[in-house]
């Protein structure tokens, strides 16, 4: 099962938990599992079937370049962070 680090602005959905453990072989499956356990999470993470463009996901410290299709291992750590734009 993967460990997901929950952003502080979403902890109202996870009863204040900073990290939760869920199953999933892809980032999309992890988001679906989060939604089942904590309704409302998916609406904050997904926009038009893709990871919200204002967010970035890191799987085991690497950017999830495949979006919701990004593979997740059994003991992966997933972080959801705000996207940072530069210019």
N, C-alpha and C. Protein backbone atom coordinates (compact mmCIF):
# COMPACT_ATOMS: atom_id res chain seq x y z
N UNK A 1 0.84 -1.17 0.00
CA UNK A 1 0.00 0.00 0.00
C UNK A 1 0.89 1.24 0.00
N UNK A 2 0.44 2.25 -0.71
CA UNK A 2 1.21 3.49 -0.85
C UNK A 2 0.87 4.46 0.27
N UNK A 3 1.87 5.23 0.67
CA UNK A 3 1.66 6.30 1.64
C UNK A 3 1.49 7.60 0.87
N UNK A 4 0.42 8.31 1.17
CA UNK A 4 0.14 9.58 0.51
C UNK A 4 0.26 10.70 1.54
N UNK A 5 1.12 11.66 1.26
CA UNK A 5 1.27 12.83 2.12
C UNK A 5 0.20 13.84 1.70
N UNK A 6 -0.65 14.20 2.63
CA UNK A 6 -1.80 15.05 2.35
C UNK A 6 -1.42 16.52 2.56
N UNK A 7 -1.66 17.37 1.54
CA UNK A 7 -1.37 18.81 1.71
C UNK A 7 -2.22 19.39 2.85
N UNK A 8 -1.68 20.36 3.55
CA UNK A 8 -2.38 20.93 4.71
C UNK A 8 -3.77 21.47 4.34
N UNK A 9 -3.92 22.00 3.14
CA UNK A 9 -5.22 22.55 2.75
C UNK A 9 -6.27 21.48 2.45
N UNK A 10 -5.86 20.20 2.43
CA UNK A 10 -6.82 19.11 2.19
C UNK A 10 -7.05 18.26 3.43
N UNK A 11 -6.40 18.58 4.51
CA UNK A 11 -6.50 17.74 5.71
C UNK A 11 -7.86 17.80 6.37
N UNK A 12 -8.67 18.80 5.99
CA UNK A 12 -10.04 18.82 6.51
C UNK A 12 -10.81 17.60 6.02
N UNK A 13 -10.41 17.03 4.89
CA UNK A 13 -11.08 15.84 4.34
C UNK A 13 -10.59 14.55 4.97
N UNK A 14 -9.40 14.58 5.58
CA UNK A 14 -8.81 13.35 6.15
C UNK A 14 -8.77 13.41 7.67
N UNK A 15 -9.67 14.17 8.26
CA UNK A 15 -9.74 14.32 9.72
C UNK A 15 -8.40 14.76 10.30
N UNK A 16 -7.70 15.62 9.56
CA UNK A 16 -6.45 16.18 10.04
C UNK A 16 -5.22 15.33 9.81
N UNK A 17 -5.38 14.16 9.22
CA UNK A 17 -4.24 13.28 9.00
C UNK A 17 -3.30 13.87 7.93
N UNK A 18 -2.02 13.88 8.24
CA UNK A 18 -1.01 14.39 7.31
C UNK A 18 -0.59 13.33 6.31
N UNK A 19 -0.77 12.08 6.65
CA UNK A 19 -0.46 11.00 5.72
C UNK A 19 -1.47 9.88 5.89
N UNK A 20 -1.81 9.26 4.77
CA UNK A 20 -2.73 8.13 4.78
C UNK A 20 -2.15 7.03 3.89
N UNK A 21 -2.60 5.83 4.12
CA UNK A 21 -2.11 4.68 3.36
C UNK A 21 -3.29 4.08 2.60
N UNK A 22 -3.11 3.94 1.28
CA UNK A 22 -4.16 3.37 0.42
C UNK A 22 -3.52 2.48 -0.64
N UNK A 23 -4.35 1.67 -1.27
CA UNK A 23 -3.88 0.80 -2.34
C UNK A 23 -4.03 1.49 -3.68
N UNK A 24 -3.24 1.04 -4.64
CA UNK A 24 -3.36 1.53 -6.00
C UNK A 24 -2.08 1.26 -6.77
N UNK A 25 -2.23 0.83 -8.03
CA UNK A 25 -1.07 0.54 -8.88
C UNK A 25 -0.70 1.70 -9.79
N UNK A 26 -1.60 2.70 -9.85
CA UNK A 26 -1.33 3.93 -10.60
C UNK A 26 -1.76 5.10 -9.71
N UNK A 27 -1.31 6.29 -10.08
CA UNK A 27 -1.72 7.47 -9.32
C UNK A 27 -3.23 7.64 -9.39
N UNK A 28 -3.83 7.35 -10.52
CA UNK A 28 -5.29 7.43 -10.65
C UNK A 28 -6.01 6.47 -9.72
N UNK A 29 -5.48 5.25 -9.58
CA UNK A 29 -6.08 4.27 -8.68
C UNK A 29 -5.92 4.71 -7.22
N UNK A 30 -4.80 5.33 -6.91
CA UNK A 30 -4.59 5.86 -5.56
C UNK A 30 -5.59 6.97 -5.28
N UNK A 31 -5.80 7.87 -6.23
CA UNK A 31 -6.78 8.95 -6.06
C UNK A 31 -8.18 8.36 -5.87
N UNK A 32 -8.52 7.33 -6.64
CA UNK A 32 -9.83 6.68 -6.49
C UNK A 32 -9.98 6.06 -5.10
N UNK A 33 -8.91 5.44 -4.60
CA UNK A 33 -8.95 4.85 -3.26
C UNK A 33 -9.08 5.94 -2.19
N UNK A 34 -8.38 7.05 -2.40
CA UNK A 34 -8.52 8.18 -1.48
C UNK A 34 -9.96 8.69 -1.47
N UNK A 35 -10.57 8.77 -2.64
CA UNK A 35 -11.95 9.26 -2.74
C UNK A 35 -12.91 8.34 -2.00
N UNK A 36 -12.69 7.02 -2.11
CA UNK A 36 -13.56 6.08 -1.39
C UNK A 36 -13.42 6.26 0.12
N UNK A 37 -12.20 6.46 0.59
CA UNK A 37 -11.95 6.59 2.02
C UNK A 37 -12.27 7.99 2.55
N UNK A 38 -12.05 8.99 1.70
CA UNK A 38 -12.20 10.39 2.12
C UNK A 38 -12.94 11.16 1.02
N UNK A 39 -14.26 11.05 0.97
CA UNK A 39 -15.03 11.72 -0.08
C UNK A 39 -14.69 13.21 -0.19
N UNK A 40 -14.53 13.64 -1.44
CA UNK A 40 -14.21 15.03 -1.72
C UNK A 40 -12.78 15.24 -2.17
N UNK A 41 -11.92 14.26 -1.91
CA UNK A 41 -10.51 14.37 -2.29
C UNK A 41 -10.37 14.48 -3.81
N UNK A 42 -11.07 13.63 -4.52
CA UNK A 42 -10.93 13.60 -5.99
C UNK A 42 -11.30 14.95 -6.61
N UNK A 43 -12.32 15.59 -6.10
CA UNK A 43 -12.74 16.88 -6.64
C UNK A 43 -11.65 17.93 -6.49
N UNK A 44 -10.81 17.80 -5.47
CA UNK A 44 -9.73 18.76 -5.26
C UNK A 44 -8.47 18.41 -6.04
N UNK A 45 -8.34 17.14 -6.44
CA UNK A 45 -7.12 16.71 -7.12
C UNK A 45 -7.25 16.59 -8.63
N UNK A 46 -8.46 16.31 -9.10
CA UNK A 46 -8.65 15.99 -10.52
C UNK A 46 -9.53 17.04 -11.18
N UNK A 47 -9.11 17.46 -12.38
CA UNK A 47 -9.87 18.42 -13.18
C UNK A 47 -9.94 17.90 -14.60
N UNK A 48 -11.14 17.68 -15.08
CA UNK A 48 -11.36 17.16 -16.44
C UNK A 48 -10.59 15.88 -16.71
N UNK A 49 -10.59 14.98 -15.75
CA UNK A 49 -9.97 13.67 -15.92
C UNK A 49 -8.47 13.62 -15.78
N UNK A 50 -7.86 14.74 -15.44
CA UNK A 50 -6.40 14.81 -15.27
C UNK A 50 -6.09 15.42 -13.91
N UNK A 51 -4.86 15.23 -13.46
CA UNK A 51 -4.43 15.89 -12.24
C UNK A 51 -4.60 17.40 -12.43
N UNK A 52 -5.18 18.05 -11.45
CA UNK A 52 -5.42 19.49 -11.55
C UNK A 52 -4.12 20.20 -11.93
N UNK A 53 -4.16 21.10 -12.91
CA UNK A 53 -2.94 21.75 -13.39
C UNK A 53 -2.26 22.65 -12.36
N UNK A 54 -2.96 22.96 -11.27
CA UNK A 54 -2.34 23.76 -10.22
C UNK A 54 -1.56 22.91 -9.23
N UNK A 55 -1.56 21.59 -9.46
CA UNK A 55 -0.90 20.64 -8.56
C UNK A 55 0.15 19.83 -9.29
N UNK A 56 1.06 19.29 -8.54
CA UNK A 56 2.05 18.34 -9.05
C UNK A 56 2.06 17.16 -8.09
N UNK A 57 2.29 15.99 -8.63
CA UNK A 57 2.42 14.79 -7.81
C UNK A 57 3.85 14.28 -7.94
N UNK A 58 4.38 13.85 -6.83
CA UNK A 58 5.69 13.22 -6.79
C UNK A 58 5.48 11.80 -6.30
N UNK A 59 6.03 10.84 -7.02
CA UNK A 59 5.97 9.44 -6.61
C UNK A 59 7.40 9.02 -6.34
N UNK A 60 7.66 8.67 -5.09
CA UNK A 60 9.00 8.30 -4.65
C UNK A 60 10.03 9.39 -4.98
N UNK A 61 9.60 10.65 -4.81
CA UNK A 61 10.49 11.78 -4.99
C UNK A 61 10.68 12.24 -6.42
N UNK A 62 10.01 11.60 -7.36
CA UNK A 62 10.12 11.98 -8.78
C UNK A 62 8.79 12.49 -9.30
N UNK A 63 8.87 13.50 -10.16
CA UNK A 63 7.65 14.06 -10.74
C UNK A 63 6.88 12.99 -11.50
N UNK A 64 5.57 12.96 -11.29
CA UNK A 64 4.69 12.01 -11.97
C UNK A 64 4.38 12.55 -13.37
N UNK A 65 5.28 12.31 -14.29
CA UNK A 65 5.16 12.85 -15.65
C UNK A 65 4.01 12.24 -16.44
N UNK A 66 3.54 11.08 -16.03
CA UNK A 66 2.43 10.42 -16.72
C UNK A 66 1.08 10.78 -16.11
N UNK A 67 1.08 11.73 -15.19
CA UNK A 67 -0.16 12.14 -14.56
C UNK A 67 -0.81 10.99 -13.80
N UNK A 68 -2.10 10.83 -13.98
CA UNK A 68 -2.83 9.79 -13.25
C UNK A 68 -2.45 8.39 -13.69
N UNK A 69 -1.76 8.25 -14.83
CA UNK A 69 -1.31 6.94 -15.30
C UNK A 69 0.05 6.55 -14.70
N UNK A 70 0.63 7.43 -13.90
CA UNK A 70 1.94 7.15 -13.31
C UNK A 70 1.88 5.88 -12.46
N UNK A 71 2.80 4.93 -12.70
CA UNK A 71 2.82 3.71 -11.89
C UNK A 71 3.18 4.00 -10.43
N UNK A 72 2.58 3.23 -9.56
CA UNK A 72 2.83 3.33 -8.13
C UNK A 72 3.19 1.93 -7.63
N UNK A 73 4.29 1.84 -6.89
CA UNK A 73 4.71 0.55 -6.33
C UNK A 73 4.01 0.31 -5.00
N UNK A 74 4.16 -0.91 -4.51
CA UNK A 74 3.46 -1.30 -3.29
C UNK A 74 3.80 -0.40 -2.10
N UNK A 75 5.04 0.02 -1.97
CA UNK A 75 5.45 0.83 -0.83
C UNK A 75 5.87 2.25 -1.25
N UNK A 76 5.27 2.75 -2.32
CA UNK A 76 5.60 4.10 -2.79
C UNK A 76 5.14 5.16 -1.81
N UNK A 77 5.82 6.30 -1.88
CA UNK A 77 5.41 7.49 -1.16
C UNK A 77 4.99 8.52 -2.19
N UNK A 78 3.82 9.10 -1.98
CA UNK A 78 3.25 10.06 -2.92
C UNK A 78 3.04 11.39 -2.21
N UNK A 79 3.52 12.44 -2.84
CA UNK A 79 3.31 13.78 -2.32
C UNK A 79 2.53 14.58 -3.36
N UNK A 80 1.56 15.34 -2.89
CA UNK A 80 0.80 16.25 -3.75
C UNK A 80 1.22 17.66 -3.33
N UNK A 81 1.73 18.42 -4.26
CA UNK A 81 2.24 19.75 -3.94
C UNK A 81 1.70 20.77 -4.93
N UNK A 82 1.66 22.04 -4.55
CA UNK A 82 1.25 23.08 -5.50
C UNK A 82 2.26 23.17 -6.64
N UNK A 83 1.75 23.40 -7.84
CA UNK A 83 2.62 23.61 -8.99
C UNK A 83 3.25 24.99 -8.85
N UNK A 84 4.51 25.08 -9.18
CA UNK A 84 5.21 26.35 -9.11
C UNK A 84 5.55 26.80 -10.53
N UNK A 85 5.07 27.96 -10.88
CA UNK A 85 5.34 28.50 -12.22
C UNK A 85 6.44 29.54 -12.11
N UNK A 86 7.22 29.60 -13.13
CA UNK A 86 8.29 30.59 -13.14
C UNK A 86 8.21 31.45 -14.38
N UNK A 87 9.01 32.43 -14.43
CA UNK A 87 8.92 33.26 -15.60
C UNK A 87 10.06 34.14 -15.75
